[in-house]
Amino acid sequence: MKYQALSDFEIHYPHPLEVKKGEVVCIGRRDTTWKEWVWVSIAGMKVGAWMHESMLETPNAVESKVAEDYSSKEISVKKNDVVESLRELGGWHWCQSRDACGWIPDYVLEPVL
């Protein structure tokens, strides 16, 4: 489905976490705004990221295997940009723009009719 940006959105985390299905991540706190998202990191690495709980085999544990390949990459958009949402999870859309794929929060987007 196509969406138009209601406002500009700039990425918050410039160093995305990339994990493969079956990798083990350490689970931290839940986001206070988007309750389905948890902070994850890989033991021994400084990089962490928000991940939707559905992508974890055991989201309420201290550690979990990742249930599917995942990237925490966000993409920036300018007001009126049009993107295609390929997936929506807990208030965020995995979108394809002209030149990149990444997450955009749903409060920035409205469906193009």
PDB file of N, CA and C in Angstrom:
ATOM      1  N   MET A   1       0.848  -1.185   0.000  1.00  0.00           N
ATOM      2  CA  MET A   1       0.000   0.000   0.000  1.00  0.00           C
ATOM      3  C   MET A   1       0.887   1.240   0.000  1.00  0.00           C
ATOM      4  N   LYS A   2       0.477   2.243  -0.739  1.00  0.00           N
ATOM      5  CA  LYS A   2       1.250   3.477  -0.820  1.00  0.00           C
ATOM      6  C   LYS A   2       0.808   4.468   0.266  1.00  0.00           C
ATOM      7  N   TYR A   3       1.811   5.190   0.789  1.00  0.00           N
ATOM      8  CA  TYR A   3       1.582   6.200   1.821  1.00  0.00           C
ATOM      9  C   TYR A   3       2.324   7.467   1.441  1.00  0.00           C
ATOM     10  N   GLN A   4       1.779   8.603   1.896  1.00  0.00           N
ATOM     11  CA  GLN A   4       2.420   9.894   1.714  1.00  0.00           C
ATOM     12  C   GLN A   4       2.849  10.411   3.076  1.00  0.00           C
ATOM     13  N   ALA A   5       4.034  11.007   3.125  1.00  0.00           N
ATOM     14  CA  ALA A   5       4.545  11.559   4.377  1.00  0.00           C
ATOM     15  C   ALA A   5       3.811  12.849   4.721  1.00  0.00           C
ATOM     16  N   LEU A   6       3.283  12.907   5.949  1.00  0.00           N
ATOM     17  CA  LEU A   6       2.596  14.102   6.447  1.00  0.00           C
ATOM     18  C   LEU A   6       3.579  15.173   6.901  1.00  0.00           C
ATOM     19  N   SER A   7       4.792  14.732   7.227  1.00  0.00           N
ATOM     20  CA  SER A   7       5.823  15.645   7.707  1.00  0.00           C
ATOM     21  C   SER A   7       7.190  15.022   7.434  1.00  0.00           C
ATOM     22  N   ASP A   8       8.220  15.804   7.643  1.00  0.00           N
ATOM     23  CA  ASP A   8       9.579  15.271   7.531  1.00  0.00           C
ATOM     24  C   ASP A   8       9.829  14.280   8.662  1.00  0.00           C
ATOM     25  N   PHE A   9      10.630  13.266   8.398  1.00  0.00           N
ATOM     26  CA  PHE A   9      11.082  12.331   9.431  1.00  0.00           C
ATOM     27  C   PHE A   9      12.550  12.039   9.182  1.00  0.00           C
ATOM     28  N   GLU A  10      13.360  12.257  10.210  1.00  0.00           N
ATOM     29  CA  GLU A  10      14.790  11.969  10.142  1.00  0.00           C
ATOM     30  C   GLU A  10      15.094  10.736  10.984  1.00  0.00           C
ATOM     31  N   ILE A  11      16.028   9.949  10.531  1.00  0.00           N
ATOM     32  CA  ILE A  11      16.386   8.739  11.273  1.00  0.00           C
ATOM     33  C   ILE A  11      16.943   9.091  12.646  1.00  0.00           C
ATOM     34  N   HIS A  12      16.651   8.225  13.629  1.00  0.00           N
ATOM     35  CA  HIS A  12      17.129   8.439  14.996  1.00  0.00           C
ATOM     36  C   HIS A  12      18.359   7.608  15.317  1.00  0.00           C
ATOM     37  N   TYR A  13      18.509   6.477  14.641  1.00  0.00           N
ATOM     38  CA  TYR A  13      19.608   5.552  14.916  1.00  0.00           C
ATOM     39  C   TYR A  13      20.384   5.307  13.621  1.00  0.00           C
ATOM     40  N   PRO A  14      21.514   6.000  13.437  1.00  0.00           N
ATOM     41  CA  PRO A  14      22.244   5.915  12.174  1.00  0.00           C
ATOM     42  C   PRO A  14      23.011   4.599  11.960  1.00  0.00           C
ATOM     43  N   HIS A  15      23.120   3.773  12.988  1.00  0.00           N
ATOM     44  CA  HIS A  15      23.859   2.508  12.866  1.00  0.00           C
ATOM     45  C   HIS A  15      22.908   1.345  13.120  1.00  0.00           C
ATOM     46  N   PRO A  16      22.233   0.877  12.064  1.00  0.00           N
ATOM     47  CA  PRO A  16      21.225  -0.166  12.260  1.00  0.00           C
ATOM     48  C   PRO A  16      21.819  -1.508  12.662  1.00  0.00           C
ATOM     49  N   LEU A  17      21.017  -2.265  13.372  1.00  0.00           N
ATOM     50  CA  LEU A  17      21.367  -3.623  13.766  1.00  0.00           C
ATOM     51  C   LEU A  17      20.849  -4.556  12.680  1.00  0.00           C
ATOM     52  N   GLU A  18      21.702  -5.459  12.222  1.00  0.00           N
ATOM     53  CA  GLU A  18      21.330  -6.457  11.226  1.00  0.00           C
ATOM     54  C   GLU A  18      21.539  -7.822  11.867  1.00  0.00           C
ATOM     55  N   VAL A  19      20.477  -8.630  11.932  1.00  0.00           N
ATOM     56  CA  VAL A  19      20.591  -9.976  12.500  1.00  0.00           C
ATOM     57  C   VAL A  19      19.906 -10.979  11.593  1.00  0.00           C
ATOM     58  N   LYS A  20      20.366 -12.212  11.659  1.00  0.00           N
ATOM     59  CA  LYS A  20      19.813 -13.301  10.860  1.00  0.00           C
ATOM     60  C   LYS A  20      18.969 -14.216  11.731  1.00  0.00           C
ATOM     61  N   LYS A  21      18.030 -14.879  11.114  1.00  0.00           N
ATOM     62  CA  LYS A  21      17.193 -15.860  11.794  1.00  0.00           C
ATOM     63  C   LYS A  21      18.087 -16.845  12.532  1.00  0.00           C
ATOM     64  N   GLY A  22      17.748 -17.111  13.803  1.00  0.00           N
ATOM     65  CA  GLY A  22      18.506 -18.059  14.606  1.00  0.00           C
ATOM     66  C   GLY A  22      19.591 -17.448  15.468  1.00  0.00           C
ATOM     67  N   GLU A  23      20.004 -16.209  15.169  1.00  0.00           N
ATOM     68  CA  GLU A  23      20.991 -15.539  16.017  1.00  0.00           C
ATOM     69  C   GLU A  23      20.363 -15.255  17.374  1.00  0.00           C
ATOM     70  N   VAL A  24      21.204 -15.215  18.410  1.00  0.00           N
ATOM     71  CA  VAL A  24      20.726 -14.942  19.764  1.00  0.00           C
ATOM     72  C   VAL A  24      20.982 -13.476  20.100  1.00  0.00           C
ATOM     73  N   VAL A  25      19.946 -12.823  20.640  1.00  0.00           N
ATOM     74  CA  VAL A  25      20.073 -11.434  21.071  1.00  0.00           C
ATOM     75  C   VAL A  25      19.726 -11.333  22.553  1.00  0.00           C
ATOM     76  N   CYS A  26      20.289 -10.331  23.202  1.00  0.00           N
ATOM     77  CA  CYS A  26      19.966 -10.016  24.595  1.00  0.00           C
ATOM     78  C   CYS A  26      18.793  -9.041  24.564  1.00  0.00           C
ATOM     79  N   ILE A  27      17.815  -9.280  25.409  1.00  0.00           N
ATOM     80  CA  ILE A  27      16.611  -8.455  25.422  1.00  0.00           C
ATOM     81  C   ILE A  27      16.662  -7.483  26.594  1.00  0.00           C
ATOM     82  N   GLY A  28      16.416  -6.222  26.293  1.00  0.00           N
ATOM     83  CA  GLY A  28      16.404  -5.170  27.304  1.00  0.00           C
ATOM     84  C   GLY A  28      14.993  -4.695  27.584  1.00  0.00           C
ATOM     85  N   ARG A  29      14.853  -3.403  27.722  1.00  0.00           N
ATOM     86  CA  ARG A  29      13.570  -2.806  28.116  1.00  0.00           C
ATOM     87  C   ARG A  29      12.598  -2.713  26.950  1.00  0.00           C
ATOM     88  N   ARG A  30      11.335  -2.570  27.300  1.00  0.00           N
ATOM     89  CA  ARG A  30      10.291  -2.316  26.309  1.00  0.00           C
ATOM     90  C   ARG A  30      10.183  -0.813  26.086  1.00  0.00           C
ATOM     91  N   ASP A  31       9.809  -0.443  24.884  1.00  0.00           N
ATOM     92  CA  ASP A  31       9.594   0.963  24.568  1.00  0.00           C
ATOM     93  C   ASP A  31       8.345   1.451  25.314  1.00  0.00           C
ATOM     94  N   THR A  32       8.377   2.666  25.809  1.00  0.00           N
ATOM     95  CA  THR A  32       7.235   3.178  26.566  1.00  0.00           C
ATOM     96  C   THR A  32       6.110   3.674  25.659  1.00  0.00           C
ATOM     97  N   THR A  33       6.423   4.027  24.424  1.00  0.00           N
ATOM     98  CA  THR A  33       5.409   4.479  23.483  1.00  0.00           C
ATOM     99  C   THR A  33       4.863   3.330  22.652  1.00  0.00           C
ATOM    100  N   TRP A  34       5.748   2.546  22.079  1.00  0.00           N
ATOM    101  CA  TRP A  34       5.372   1.406  21.247  1.00  0.00           C
ATOM    102  C   TRP A  34       5.646   0.141  22.049  1.00  0.00           C
ATOM    103  N   LYS A  35       4.654  -0.320  22.770  1.00  0.00           N
ATOM    104  CA  LYS A  35       4.799  -1.404  23.757  1.00  0.00           C
ATOM    105  C   LYS A  35       5.231  -2.742  23.155  1.00  0.00           C
ATOM    106  N   GLU A  36       5.026  -2.946  21.864  1.00  0.00           N
ATOM    107  CA  GLU A  36       5.384  -4.210  21.220  1.00  0.00           C
ATOM    108  C   GLU A  36       6.855  -4.258  20.811  1.00  0.00           C
ATOM    109  N   TRP A  37       7.576  -3.175  21.023  1.00  0.00           N
ATOM    110  CA  TRP A  37       8.979  -3.092  20.614  1.00  0.00           C
ATOM    111  C   TRP A  37       9.884  -3.203  21.835  1.00  0.00           C
ATOM    112  N   VAL A  38      10.925  -4.019  21.712  1.00  0.00           N
ATOM    113  CA  VAL A  38      11.891  -4.217  22.799  1.00  0.00           C
ATOM    114  C   VAL A  38      13.294  -3.874  22.303  1.00  0.00           C
ATOM    115  N   TRP A  39      14.139  -3.413  23.237  1.00  0.00           N
ATOM    116  CA  TRP A  39      15.521  -3.086  22.909  1.00  0.00           C
ATOM    117  C   TRP A  39      16.312  -4.387  22.921  1.00  0.00           C
ATOM    118  N   VAL A  40      17.040  -4.651  21.842  1.00  0.00           N
ATOM    119  CA  VAL A  40      17.857  -5.859  21.756  1.00  0.00           C
ATOM    120  C   VAL A  40      19.292  -5.475  21.420  1.00  0.00           C
ATOM    121  N   SER A  41      20.207  -6.349  21.813  1.00  0.00           N
ATOM    122  CA  SER A  41      21.617  -6.162  21.473  1.00  0.00           C
ATOM    123  C   SER A  41      22.248  -7.538  21.325  1.00  0.00           C
ATOM    124  N   ILE A  42      23.410  -7.549  20.757  1.00  0.00           N
ATOM    125  CA  ILE A  42      24.165  -8.790  20.613  1.00  0.00           C
ATOM    126  C   ILE A  42      25.293  -8.749  21.627  1.00  0.00           C
ATOM    127  N   ALA A  43      25.424  -9.823  22.408  1.00  0.00           N
ATOM    128  CA  ALA A  43      26.450  -9.879  23.457  1.00  0.00           C
ATOM    129  C   ALA A  43      27.824  -9.505  22.884  1.00  0.00           C
ATOM    130  N   GLY A  44      28.506  -8.610  23.573  1.00  0.00           N
ATOM    131  CA  GLY A  44      29.848  -8.203  23.175  1.00  0.00           C
ATOM    132  C   GLY A  44      29.885  -7.072  22.154  1.00  0.00           C
ATOM    133  N   MET A  45      28.732  -6.650  21.665  1.00  0.00           N
ATOM    134  CA  MET A  45      28.688  -5.554  20.692  1.00  0.00           C
ATOM    135  C   MET A  45      28.026  -4.343  21.328  1.00  0.00           C
ATOM    136  N   LYS A  46      28.446  -3.158  20.944  1.00  0.00           N
ATOM    137  CA  LYS A  46      27.872  -1.934  21.491  1.00  0.00           C
ATOM    138  C   LYS A  46      26.588  -1.521  20.782  1.00  0.00           C
ATOM    139  N   VAL A  47      26.342  -2.060  19.596  1.00  0.00           N
ATOM    140  CA  VAL A  47      25.165  -1.692  18.818  1.00  0.00           C
ATOM    141  C   VAL A  47      23.931  -2.395  19.358  1.00  0.00           C
ATOM    142  N   GLY A  48      22.858  -1.655  19.520  1.00  0.00           N
ATOM    143  CA  GLY A  48      21.572  -2.206  19.909  1.00  0.00           C
ATOM    144  C   GLY A  48      20.498  -1.556  19.064  1.00  0.00           C
ATOM    145  N   ALA A  49      19.279  -2.080  19.150  1.00  0.00           N
ATOM    146  CA  ALA A  49      18.199  -1.532  18.336  1.00  0.00           C
ATOM    147  C   ALA A  49      16.856  -1.993  18.869  1.00  0.00           C
ATOM    148  N   TRP A  50      15.803  -1.319  18.412  1.00  0.00           N
ATOM    149  CA  TRP A  50      14.445  -1.725  18.729  1.00  0.00           C
ATOM    150  C   TRP A  50      14.018  -2.818  17.758  1.00  0.00           C
ATOM    151  N   MET A  51      13.376  -3.856  18.289  1.00  0.00           N
ATOM    152  CA  MET A  51      12.891  -4.967  17.481  1.00  0.00           C
ATOM    153  C   MET A  51      11.477  -5.306  17.930  1.00  0.00           C
ATOM    154  N   HIS A  52      10.611  -5.587  16.972  1.00  0.00           N
ATOM    155  CA  HIS A  52       9.242  -5.963  17.307  1.00  0.00           C
ATOM    156  C   HIS A  52       9.245  -7.350  17.948  1.00  0.00           C
ATOM    157  N   GLU A  53       8.439  -7.520  19.000  1.00  0.00           N
ATOM    158  CA  GLU A  53       8.420  -8.766  19.758  1.00  0.00           C
ATOM    159  C   GLU A  53       8.072  -9.984  18.907  1.00  0.00           C
ATOM    160  N   SER A  54       7.331  -9.802  17.826  1.00  0.00           N
ATOM    161  CA  SER A  54       6.972 -10.931  16.963  1.00  0.00           C
ATOM    162  C   SER A  54       8.169 -11.524  16.235  1.00  0.00           C
ATOM    163  N   MET A  55       9.279 -10.802  16.212  1.00  0.00           N
ATOM    164  CA  MET A  55      10.482 -11.275  15.541  1.00  0.00           C
ATOM    165  C   MET A  55      11.395 -12.069  16.469  1.00  0.00           C
ATOM    166  N   LEU A  56      10.940 -12.268  17.709  1.00  0.00           N
ATOM    167  CA  LEU A  56      11.706 -13.002  18.705  1.00  0.00           C
ATOM    168  C   LEU A  56      10.969 -14.280  19.097  1.00  0.00           C
ATOM    169  N   GLU A  57      11.714 -15.373  19.232  1.00  0.00           N
ATOM    170  CA  GLU A  57      11.076 -16.626  19.634  1.00  0.00           C
ATOM    171  C   GLU A  57      10.522 -16.548  21.051  1.00  0.00           C
ATOM    172  N   THR A  58      11.262 -15.894  21.957  1.00  0.00           N
ATOM    173  CA  THR A  58      10.824 -15.749  23.352  1.00  0.00           C
ATOM    174  C   THR A  58      11.027 -14.293  23.789  1.00  0.00           C
ATOM    175  N   PRO A  59      10.075 -13.404  23.450  1.00  0.00           N
ATOM    176  CA  PRO A  59      10.266 -11.966  23.674  1.00  0.00           C
ATOM    177  C   PRO A  59      10.282 -11.528  25.132  1.00  0.00           C
ATOM    178  N   ASN A  60       9.832 -12.373  26.048  1.00  0.00           N
ATOM    179  CA  ASN A  60       9.831 -11.980  27.457  1.00  0.00           C
ATOM    180  C   ASN A  60      10.970 -12.607  28.248  1.00  0.00           C
ATOM    181  N   ALA A  61      11.926 -13.189  27.569  1.00  0.00           N
ATOM    182  CA  ALA A  61      13.087 -13.797  28.220  1.00  0.00           C
ATOM    183  C   ALA A  61      14.232 -12.780  28.286  1.00  0.00           C
ATOM    184  N   VAL A  62      15.336 -13.189  28.876  1.00  0.00           N
ATOM    185  CA  VAL A  62      16.531 -12.344  28.937  1.00  0.00           C
ATOM    186  C   VAL A  62      17.277 -12.400  27.611  1.00  0.00           C
ATOM    187  N   GLU A  63      17.236 -13.559  26.957  1.00  0.00           N
ATOM    188  CA  GLU A  63      17.830 -13.769  25.639  1.00  0.00           C
ATOM    189  C   GLU A  63      16.818 -14.500  24.774  1.00  0.00           C
ATOM    190  N   SER A  64      16.946 -14.329  23.471  1.00  0.00           N
ATOM    191  CA  SER A  64      16.048 -15.019  22.555  1.00  0.00           C
ATOM    192  C   SER A  64      16.717 -15.220  21.211  1.00  0.00           C
ATOM    193  N   LYS A  65      16.312 -16.283  20.534  1.00  0.00           N
ATOM    194  CA  LYS A  65      16.697 -16.447  19.140  1.00  0.00           C
ATOM    195  C   LYS A  65      15.798 -15.542  18.303  1.00  0.00           C
ATOM    196  N   VAL A  66      16.368 -15.016  17.237  1.00  0.00           N
ATOM    197  CA  VAL A  66      15.625 -14.178  16.310  1.00  0.00           C
ATOM    198  C   VAL A  66      14.824 -15.101  15.387  1.00  0.00           C
ATOM    199  N   ALA A  67      13.540 -14.805  15.219  1.00  0.00           N
ATOM    200  CA  ALA A  67      12.635 -15.668  14.454  1.00  0.00           C
ATOM    201  C   ALA A  67      12.719 -15.449  12.941  1.00  0.00           C
ATOM    202  N   GLU A  68      13.286 -14.326  12.512  1.00  0.00           N
ATOM    203  CA  GLU A  68      13.422 -14.026  11.084  1.00  0.00           C
ATOM    204  C   GLU A  68      14.539 -13.009  10.890  1.00  0.00           C
ATOM    205  N   ASP A  69      15.076 -12.933   9.685  1.00  0.00           N
ATOM    206  CA  ASP A  69      16.084 -11.916   9.391  1.00  0.00           C
ATOM    207  C   ASP A  69      15.491 -10.540   9.708  1.00  0.00           C
ATOM    208  N   TYR A  70      16.345  -9.642  10.226  1.00  0.00           N
ATOM    209  CA  TYR A  70      15.843  -8.334  10.657  1.00  0.00           C
ATOM    210  C   TYR A  70      16.892  -7.246  10.460  1.00  0.00           C
ATOM    211  N   SER A  71      16.416  -6.075  10.074  1.00  0.00           N
ATOM    212  CA  SER A  71      17.226  -4.862  10.023  1.00  0.00           C
ATOM    213  C   SER A  71      16.457  -3.764  10.742  1.00  0.00           C
ATOM    214  N   SER A  72      17.146  -3.017  11.588  1.00  0.00           N
ATOM    215  CA  SER A  72      16.517  -1.896  12.290  1.00  0.00           C
ATOM    216  C   SER A  72      16.654  -0.585  11.513  1.00  0.00           C
ATOM    217  N   LYS A  73      17.075  -0.663  10.267  1.00  0.00           N
ATOM    218  CA  LYS A  73      17.310   0.539   9.459  1.00  0.00           C
ATOM    219  C   LYS A  73      16.047   1.379   9.352  1.00  0.00           C
ATOM    220  N   GLU A  74      16.190   2.660   9.628  1.00  0.00           N
ATOM    221  CA  GLU A  74      15.127   3.628   9.416  1.00  0.00           C
ATOM    222  C   GLU A  74      15.453   4.390   8.133  1.00  0.00           C
ATOM    223  N   ILE A  75      14.438   4.968   7.502  1.00  0.00           N
ATOM    224  CA  ILE A  75      14.696   5.847   6.368  1.00  0.00           C
ATOM    225  C   ILE A  75      14.051   7.202   6.629  1.00  0.00           C
ATOM    226  N   SER A  76      14.719   8.226   6.157  1.00  0.00           N
ATOM    227  CA  SER A  76      14.204   9.587   6.273  1.00  0.00           C
ATOM    228  C   SER A  76      13.256   9.865   5.117  1.00  0.00           C
ATOM    229  N   VAL A  77      12.251  10.676   5.390  1.00  0.00           N
ATOM    230  CA  VAL A  77      11.345  11.146   4.334  1.00  0.00           C
ATOM    231  C   VAL A  77      11.098  12.634   4.526  1.00  0.00           C
ATOM    232  N   LYS A  78      10.752  13.270   3.450  1.00  0.00           N
ATOM    233  CA  LYS A  78      10.342  14.672   3.469  1.00  0.00           C
ATOM    234  C   LYS A  78       8.832  14.735   3.291  1.00  0.00           C
ATOM    235  N   LYS A  79       8.230  15.774   3.805  1.00  0.00           N
ATOM    236  CA  LYS A  79       6.788  15.961   3.665  1.00  0.00           C
ATOM    237  C   LYS A  79       6.391  15.777   2.198  1.00  0.00           C
ATOM    238  N   ASN A  80       5.324  15.024   1.976  1.00  0.00           N
ATOM    239  CA  ASN A  80       4.740  14.715   0.665  1.00  0.00           C
ATOM    240  C   ASN A  80       5.461  13.615  -0.100  1.00  0.00           C
ATOM    241  N   ASP A  81       6.593  13.090   0.403  1.00  0.00           N
ATOM    242  CA  ASP A  81       7.208  11.927  -0.246  1.00  0.00           C
ATOM    243  C   ASP A  81       6.217  10.771  -0.220  1.00  0.00           C
ATOM    244  N   VAL A  82       6.240   9.954  -1.252  1.00  0.00           N
ATOM    245  CA  VAL A  82       5.389   8.770  -1.314  1.00  0.00           C
ATOM    246  C   VAL A  82       6.273   7.537  -1.187  1.00  0.00           C
ATOM    247  N   VAL A  83       5.861   6.620  -0.303  1.00  0.00           N
ATOM    248  CA  VAL A  83       6.577   5.366  -0.085  1.00  0.00           C
ATOM    249  C   VAL A  83       5.578   4.219  -0.153  1.00  0.00           C
ATOM    250  N   GLU A  84       6.089   3.017  -0.321  1.00  0.00           N
ATOM    251  CA  GLU A  84       5.232   1.838  -0.282  1.00  0.00           C
ATOM    252  C   GLU A  84       5.492   1.089   1.012  1.00  0.00           C
ATOM    253  N   SER A  85       4.446   0.847   1.782  1.00  0.00           N
ATOM    254  CA  SER A  85       4.571   0.074   3.013  1.00  0.00           C
ATOM    255  C   SER A  85       4.479  -1.406   2.662  1.00  0.00           C
ATOM    256  N   LEU A  86       5.530  -2.140   3.001  1.00  0.00           N
ATOM    257  CA  LEU A  86       5.572  -3.571   2.725  1.00  0.00           C
ATOM    258  C   LEU A  86       5.103  -4.388   3.924  1.00  0.00           C
ATOM    259  N   ARG A  87       5.102  -3.731   5.110  1.00  0.00           N
ATOM    260  CA  ARG A  87       4.736  -4.424   6.341  1.00  0.00           C
ATOM    261  C   ARG A  87       4.524  -3.390   7.440  1.00  0.00           C
ATOM    262  N   GLU A  88       3.531  -3.630   8.317  1.00  0.00           N
ATOM    263  CA  GLU A  88       3.314  -2.754   9.464  1.00  0.00           C
ATOM    264  C   GLU A  88       3.368  -3.603  10.724  1.00  0.00           C
ATOM    265  N   LEU A  89       4.138  -3.132  11.701  1.00  0.00           N
ATOM    266  CA  LEU A  89       4.257  -3.820  12.991  1.00  0.00           C
ATOM    267  C   LEU A  89       4.247  -2.794  14.113  1.00  0.00           C
ATOM    268  N   GLY A  90       3.249  -2.875  14.970  1.00  0.00           N
ATOM    269  CA  GLY A  90       3.229  -2.071  16.185  1.00  0.00           C
ATOM    270  C   GLY A  90       3.468  -0.596  16.006  1.00  0.00           C
ATOM    271  N   GLY A  91       2.871   0.003  14.982  1.00  0.00           N
ATOM    272  CA  GLY A  91       3.000   1.444  14.793  1.00  0.00           C
ATOM    273  C   GLY A  91       4.144   1.888  13.897  1.00  0.00           C
ATOM    274  N   TRP A  92       4.855   0.938  13.295  1.00  0.00           N
ATOM    275  CA  TRP A  92       5.943   1.255  12.367  1.00  0.00           C
ATOM    276  C   TRP A  92       5.728   0.504  11.065  1.00  0.00           C
ATOM    277  N   HIS A  93       6.121   1.142   9.958  1.00  0.00           N
ATOM    278  CA  HIS A  93       5.997   0.533   8.633  1.00  0.00           C
ATOM    279  C   HIS A  93       7.387   0.270   8.059  1.00  0.00           C
ATOM    280  N   TRP A  94       7.559  -0.935   7.497  1.00  0.00           N
ATOM    281  CA  TRP A  94       8.762  -1.239   6.711  1.00  0.00           C
ATOM    282  C   TRP A  94       8.433  -0.767   5.303  1.00  0.00           C
ATOM    283  N   CYS A  95       9.117   0.282   4.856  1.00  0.00           N
ATOM    284  CA  CYS A  95       8.764   0.952   3.601  1.00  0.00           C
ATOM    285  C   CYS A  95       9.866   0.888   2.562  1.00  0.00           C
ATOM    286  N   GLN A  96       9.429   0.963   1.324  1.00  0.00           N
ATOM    287  CA  GLN A  96      10.330   1.081   0.181  1.00  0.00           C
ATOM    288  C   GLN A  96      10.155   2.485  -0.376  1.00  0.00           C
ATOM    289  N   SER A  97      11.258   3.242  -0.413  1.00  0.00           N
ATOM    290  CA  SER A  97      11.226   4.543  -1.072  1.00  0.00           C
ATOM    291  C   SER A  97      11.871   4.362  -2.444  1.00  0.00           C
ATOM    292  N   ARG A  98      12.131   5.449  -3.118  1.00  0.00           N
ATOM    293  CA  ARG A  98      12.770   5.340  -4.435  1.00  0.00           C
ATOM    294  C   ARG A  98      14.126   4.658  -4.361  1.00  0.00           C
ATOM    295  N   ASP A  99      14.854   4.861  -3.257  1.00  0.00           N
ATOM    296  CA  ASP A  99      16.229   4.364  -3.215  1.00  0.00           C
ATOM    297  C   ASP A  99      16.599   3.554  -1.971  1.00  0.00           C
ATOM    298  N   ALA A 100      15.644   3.255  -1.097  1.00  0.00           N
ATOM    299  CA  ALA A 100      16.006   2.524   0.128  1.00  0.00           C
ATOM    300  C   ALA A 100      14.777   1.866   0.754  1.00  0.00           C
ATOM    301  N   CYS A 101      15.061   0.901   1.623  1.00  0.00           N
ATOM    302  CA  CYS A 101      14.027   0.288   2.461  1.00  0.00           C
ATOM    303  C   CYS A 101      14.370   0.587   3.911  1.00  0.00           C
ATOM    304  N   GLY A 102      13.332   0.766   4.742  1.00  0.00           N
ATOM    305  CA  GLY A 102      13.571   0.984   6.161  1.00  0.00           C
ATOM    306  C   GLY A 102      12.277   1.310   6.884  1.00  0.00           C
ATOM    307  N   TRP A 103      12.394   1.482   8.184  1.00  0.00           N
ATOM    308  CA  TRP A 103      11.250   1.734   9.064  1.00  0.00           C
ATOM    309  C   TRP A 103      10.904   3.211   9.123  1.00  0.00           C
ATOM    310  N   ILE A 104       9.582   3.484   9.138  1.00  0.00           N
ATOM    311  CA  ILE A 104       9.038   4.835   9.314  1.00  0.00           C
ATOM    312  C   ILE A 104       7.850   4.702  10.267  1.00  0.00           C
ATOM    313  N   PRO A 105       7.730   5.579  11.270  1.00  0.00           N
ATOM    314  CA  PRO A 105       6.587   5.482  12.186  1.00  0.00           C
ATOM    315  C   PRO A 105       5.276   5.863  11.484  1.00  0.00           C
ATOM    316  N   ASP A 106       4.189   5.222  11.913  1.00  0.00           N
ATOM    317  CA  ASP A 106       2.914   5.458  11.229  1.00  0.00           C
ATOM    318  C   ASP A 106       2.350   6.857  11.429  1.00  0.00           C
ATOM    319  N   TYR A 107       2.765   7.578  12.484  1.00  0.00           N
ATOM    320  CA  TYR A 107       2.233   8.932  12.676  1.00  0.00           C
ATOM    321  C   TYR A 107       2.712   9.897  11.594  1.00  0.00           C
ATOM    322  N   VAL A 108       3.731   9.507  10.833  1.00  0.00           N
ATOM    323  CA  VAL A 108       4.248  10.343   9.757  1.00  0.00           C
ATOM    324  C   VAL A 108       3.501  10.082   8.447  1.00  0.00           C
ATOM    325  N   LEU A 109       2.797   8.959   8.369  1.00  0.00           N
ATOM    326  CA  LEU A 109       2.237   8.495   7.091  1.00  0.00           C
ATOM    327  C   LEU A 109       0.721   8.547   7.033  1.00  0.00           C
ATOM    328  N   GLU A 110       0.202   8.790   5.828  1.00  0.00           N
ATOM    329  CA  GLU A 110      -1.236   8.648   5.571  1.00  0.00           C
ATOM    330  C   GLU A 110      -1.390   7.897   4.253  1.00  0.00           C
ATOM    331  N   PRO A 111      -2.395   7.026   4.172  1.00  0.00           N
ATOM    332  CA  PRO A 111      -2.596   6.268   2.939  1.00  0.00           C
ATOM    333  C   PRO A 111      -2.870   7.178   1.745  1.00  0.00           C
ATOM    334  N   VAL A 112      -2.349   6.770   0.601  1.00  0.00           N
ATOM    335  CA  VAL A 112      -2.639   7.467  -0.653  1.00  0.00           C
ATOM    336  C   VAL A 112      -3.845   6.764  -1.263  1.00  0.00           C
ATOM    337  N   LEU A 113      -4.903   7.503  -1.478  1.00  0.00           N
ATOM    338  CA  LEU A 113      -6.135   6.904  -2.017  1.00  0.00           C
ATOM    339  C   LEU A 113      -6.179   6.961  -3.525  1.00  0.00           C
TER     340      LEU A 113
END
